[in-house]
């Protein structure tokens, strides 16, 4: 484990944070390339029986389809930079003894234009992710506060991390069963941020 890497263990939570997993030069080049070369769209999800526009833009690549909040992301060819990142991250997982059932076969990307774009409290617990989902999250661009809290239990202190500029977070074990996470709105004047979430999805 390098000096930038910290593992957090809490009841029901297993989390690894690697600061500056990408160098500044790598991070800036990747952010610019993915923003220019991927197809970005503002999707719609179902909340409380109605369709609402997501407060962010999304893109994706994957060997298989992935569904969340009744939104289906069909199989899509990998961008060359994402394919390379995928193999690097699979190597990192293997070196850190974190197993995935199907390797990292899907990547969902979120683009936050400003502090007013957000992601509400949720768990990545779709059935096709298995009983112990491995979520590999890479943050590019302006740092934002990434929050985690144990579901329905205020006795355990939540966790907050400022993530951006190539920081890596890996959630594994029973984290998606017992904890939820969010990237909430802020009134701070912030630049754009991109988040890449690699996952292992059953076909």
Foldseek 3Di string as FASTA:
>chain_A
DDPQWDWDDDVLWTKIKGPCPDPLVVQVVVVVCCVPPFDKDFDWADDPHDIDTALWIKTKAFPAWDDDNNDIRGHHHDDVVVVVVQVVVLVVCVVVVNDAPARQGMKMKTKHAWLQHWWDKAFPPPVQCPQKKKKKKWKEFWWFKKKKDFPPDPPDDIDIDGHYSGMIMIITDRCRVTMIMIGHHDPDTGGMMMMMITTGGHD
